[in-house]
Amino acid sequence: MGTWDTFLLILLRDRLLLARDLLNESGSCFVQISDENVHHVRELMDEIFKGENFISLITFKKSV
């Protein structure tokens, strides 16, 4: 992972921590991310929101 990717994950982490504090118990958080970075963001989400709160990964295919 490059320096730019690390920087973006740090920014995302700060925003997710804020979102966690603002969400109520039944709140939801959706993140759109590329396939190349989904595992990094999933680790971050599990750290912040706890893995047992994960429900589903929604995938879609874009057409050109």
N, C-alpha and C. Protein backbone atom coordinates (compact mmCIF):
# COMPACT_ATOMS: atom_id res chain seq x y z
N MET A 1 0.86 -1.17 0.00
CA MET A 1 0.00 0.00 0.00
C MET A 1 0.91 1.23 0.00
N GLY A 2 0.56 2.19 -0.85
CA GLY A 2 1.37 3.39 -0.99
C GLY A 2 1.04 4.45 0.04
N THR A 3 1.83 5.50 0.04
CA THR A 3 1.66 6.60 0.98
C THR A 3 0.30 7.27 0.80
N TRP A 4 -0.12 7.45 -0.45
CA TRP A 4 -1.41 8.10 -0.72
C TRP A 4 -2.56 7.28 -0.17
N ASP A 5 -2.52 5.95 -0.38
CA ASP A 5 -3.57 5.08 0.15
C ASP A 5 -3.62 5.13 1.67
N THR A 6 -2.47 5.14 2.30
CA THR A 6 -2.40 5.23 3.76
C THR A 6 -3.01 6.54 4.24
N PHE A 7 -2.69 7.62 3.56
CA PHE A 7 -3.24 8.94 3.91
C PHE A 7 -4.76 8.93 3.80
N LEU A 8 -5.28 8.35 2.72
CA LEU A 8 -6.73 8.30 2.53
C LEU A 8 -7.41 7.45 3.60
N LEU A 9 -6.78 6.36 4.01
CA LEU A 9 -7.35 5.53 5.07
C LEU A 9 -7.36 6.26 6.41
N ILE A 10 -6.35 7.07 6.67
CA ILE A 10 -6.33 7.86 7.90
C ILE A 10 -7.47 8.87 7.89
N LEU A 11 -7.68 9.53 6.75
CA LEU A 11 -8.80 10.47 6.63
C LEU A 11 -10.13 9.76 6.82
N LEU A 12 -10.27 8.60 6.19
CA LEU A 12 -11.51 7.83 6.32
C LEU A 12 -11.72 7.40 7.77
N ARG A 13 -10.65 6.98 8.43
CA ARG A 13 -10.76 6.55 9.83
C ARG A 13 -11.28 7.68 10.72
N ASP A 14 -10.77 8.88 10.52
CA ASP A 14 -11.23 10.02 11.31
C ASP A 14 -12.72 10.27 11.10
N ARG A 15 -13.16 10.16 9.86
CA ARG A 15 -14.58 10.41 9.55
C ARG A 15 -15.48 9.30 10.07
N LEU A 16 -15.00 8.06 10.02
CA LEU A 16 -15.77 6.94 10.54
C LEU A 16 -15.89 7.00 12.05
N LEU A 17 -14.85 7.44 12.72
CA LEU A 17 -14.93 7.61 14.17
C LEU A 17 -15.99 8.65 14.54
N LEU A 18 -16.04 9.73 13.78
CA LEU A 18 -17.06 10.75 14.00
C LEU A 18 -18.45 10.19 13.71
N ALA A 19 -18.57 9.45 12.61
CA ALA A 19 -19.86 8.85 12.25
C ALA A 19 -20.34 7.90 13.35
N ARG A 20 -19.43 7.11 13.91
CA ARG A 20 -19.80 6.19 14.99
C ARG A 20 -20.37 6.94 16.17
N ASP A 21 -19.76 8.07 16.51
CA ASP A 21 -20.23 8.86 17.65
C ASP A 21 -21.58 9.51 17.37
N LEU A 22 -21.87 9.79 16.11
CA LEU A 22 -23.13 10.45 15.76
C LEU A 22 -24.28 9.47 15.50
N LEU A 23 -23.97 8.23 15.15
CA LEU A 23 -25.00 7.24 14.85
C LEU A 23 -25.67 6.75 16.13
N ASN A 24 -26.97 6.47 16.04
CA ASN A 24 -27.62 5.83 17.17
C ASN A 24 -27.47 4.32 17.04
N GLU A 25 -27.99 3.56 17.98
CA GLU A 25 -27.81 2.11 18.01
C GLU A 25 -28.31 1.42 16.74
N SER A 26 -29.35 1.94 16.12
CA SER A 26 -29.91 1.29 14.92
C SER A 26 -29.44 1.96 13.63
N GLY A 27 -28.43 2.83 13.72
CA GLY A 27 -27.93 3.53 12.54
C GLY A 27 -27.17 2.62 11.59
N SER A 28 -27.00 3.08 10.36
CA SER A 28 -26.29 2.34 9.33
C SER A 28 -25.21 3.20 8.72
N CYS A 29 -24.19 2.54 8.20
CA CYS A 29 -23.09 3.25 7.54
C CYS A 29 -22.76 2.50 6.25
N PHE A 30 -22.80 3.20 5.14
CA PHE A 30 -22.48 2.61 3.84
C PHE A 30 -21.23 3.29 3.29
N VAL A 31 -20.31 2.49 2.78
CA VAL A 31 -19.08 3.03 2.20
C VAL A 31 -18.92 2.43 0.81
N GLN A 32 -18.72 3.27 -0.19
CA GLN A 32 -18.46 2.79 -1.54
C GLN A 32 -16.95 2.86 -1.78
N ILE A 33 -16.38 1.72 -2.16
CA ILE A 33 -14.93 1.65 -2.31
C ILE A 33 -14.60 0.67 -3.43
N SER A 34 -13.44 0.83 -4.03
CA SER A 34 -13.03 -0.06 -5.13
C SER A 34 -12.67 -1.44 -4.59
N ASP A 35 -12.69 -2.41 -5.49
CA ASP A 35 -12.32 -3.78 -5.11
C ASP A 35 -10.89 -3.86 -4.61
N GLU A 36 -10.03 -2.98 -5.09
CA GLU A 36 -8.63 -3.01 -4.70
C GLU A 36 -8.41 -2.63 -3.23
N ASN A 37 -9.34 -1.88 -2.66
CA ASN A 37 -9.16 -1.39 -1.28
C ASN A 37 -10.21 -1.89 -0.30
N VAL A 38 -11.10 -2.73 -0.76
CA VAL A 38 -12.21 -3.15 0.11
C VAL A 38 -11.71 -3.86 1.36
N HIS A 39 -10.65 -4.64 1.27
CA HIS A 39 -10.17 -5.36 2.46
C HIS A 39 -9.59 -4.41 3.50
N HIS A 40 -8.95 -3.33 3.05
CA HIS A 40 -8.42 -2.34 4.01
C HIS A 40 -9.56 -1.61 4.72
N VAL A 41 -10.56 -1.22 3.96
CA VAL A 41 -11.69 -0.49 4.54
C VAL A 41 -12.50 -1.41 5.45
N ARG A 42 -12.63 -2.67 5.08
CA ARG A 42 -13.35 -3.62 5.93
C ARG A 42 -12.65 -3.78 7.28
N GLU A 43 -11.33 -3.87 7.28
CA GLU A 43 -10.58 -3.95 8.54
C GLU A 43 -10.80 -2.71 9.39
N LEU A 44 -10.82 -1.56 8.75
CA LEU A 44 -11.05 -0.30 9.44
C LEU A 44 -12.46 -0.25 10.03
N MET A 45 -13.44 -0.66 9.24
CA MET A 45 -14.83 -0.67 9.71
C MET A 45 -15.00 -1.64 10.88
N ASP A 46 -14.36 -2.82 10.79
CA ASP A 46 -14.44 -3.79 11.88
C ASP A 46 -13.81 -3.25 13.15
N GLU A 47 -12.72 -2.52 13.00
CA GLU A 47 -12.06 -1.92 14.17
C GLU A 47 -12.95 -0.88 14.83
N ILE A 48 -13.59 -0.06 14.04
CA ILE A 48 -14.37 1.06 14.57
C ILE A 48 -15.76 0.64 15.02
N PHE A 49 -16.44 -0.17 14.19
CA PHE A 49 -17.83 -0.53 14.48
C PHE A 49 -17.98 -1.94 15.03
N LYS A 50 -16.89 -2.66 15.18
CA LYS A 50 -16.85 -4.04 15.67
C LYS A 50 -17.38 -4.99 14.59
N GLY A 51 -16.62 -6.05 14.37
CA GLY A 51 -16.93 -7.00 13.31
C GLY A 51 -18.30 -7.65 13.43
N GLU A 52 -18.78 -7.85 14.65
CA GLU A 52 -20.09 -8.50 14.82
C GLU A 52 -21.25 -7.62 14.34
N ASN A 53 -21.00 -6.34 14.10
CA ASN A 53 -22.04 -5.45 13.58
C ASN A 53 -22.12 -5.45 12.05
N PHE A 54 -21.16 -6.12 11.40
CA PHE A 54 -21.18 -6.21 9.94
C PHE A 54 -22.35 -7.08 9.50
N ILE A 55 -23.10 -6.60 8.52
CA ILE A 55 -24.24 -7.37 8.02
C ILE A 55 -23.99 -7.92 6.63
N SER A 56 -23.57 -7.06 5.70
CA SER A 56 -23.45 -7.53 4.33
C SER A 56 -22.54 -6.63 3.49
N LEU A 57 -21.97 -7.23 2.48
CA LEU A 57 -21.21 -6.51 1.47
C LEU A 57 -22.09 -6.46 0.23
N ILE A 58 -22.40 -5.26 -0.21
CA ILE A 58 -23.27 -5.09 -1.37
C ILE A 58 -22.37 -4.84 -2.58
N THR A 59 -22.51 -5.68 -3.59
CA THR A 59 -21.70 -5.52 -4.80
C THR A 59 -22.61 -5.22 -5.98
N PHE A 60 -22.05 -4.52 -6.94
CA PHE A 60 -22.80 -4.24 -8.17
C PHE A 60 -21.84 -4.18 -9.34
N LYS A 61 -22.36 -4.45 -10.51
CA LYS A 61 -21.54 -4.42 -11.72
C LYS A 61 -21.91 -3.18 -12.51
N LYS A 62 -20.89 -2.38 -12.82
CA LYS A 62 -21.13 -1.20 -13.62
C LYS A 62 -21.02 -1.58 -15.10
N SER A 63 -21.87 -0.99 -15.90
CA SER A 63 -21.78 -1.22 -17.33
C SER A 63 -21.17 0.01 -17.98
N VAL A 64 -20.51 -0.20 -19.11
CA VAL A 64 -19.87 0.93 -19.80
C VAL A 64 -20.64 1.31 -21.04
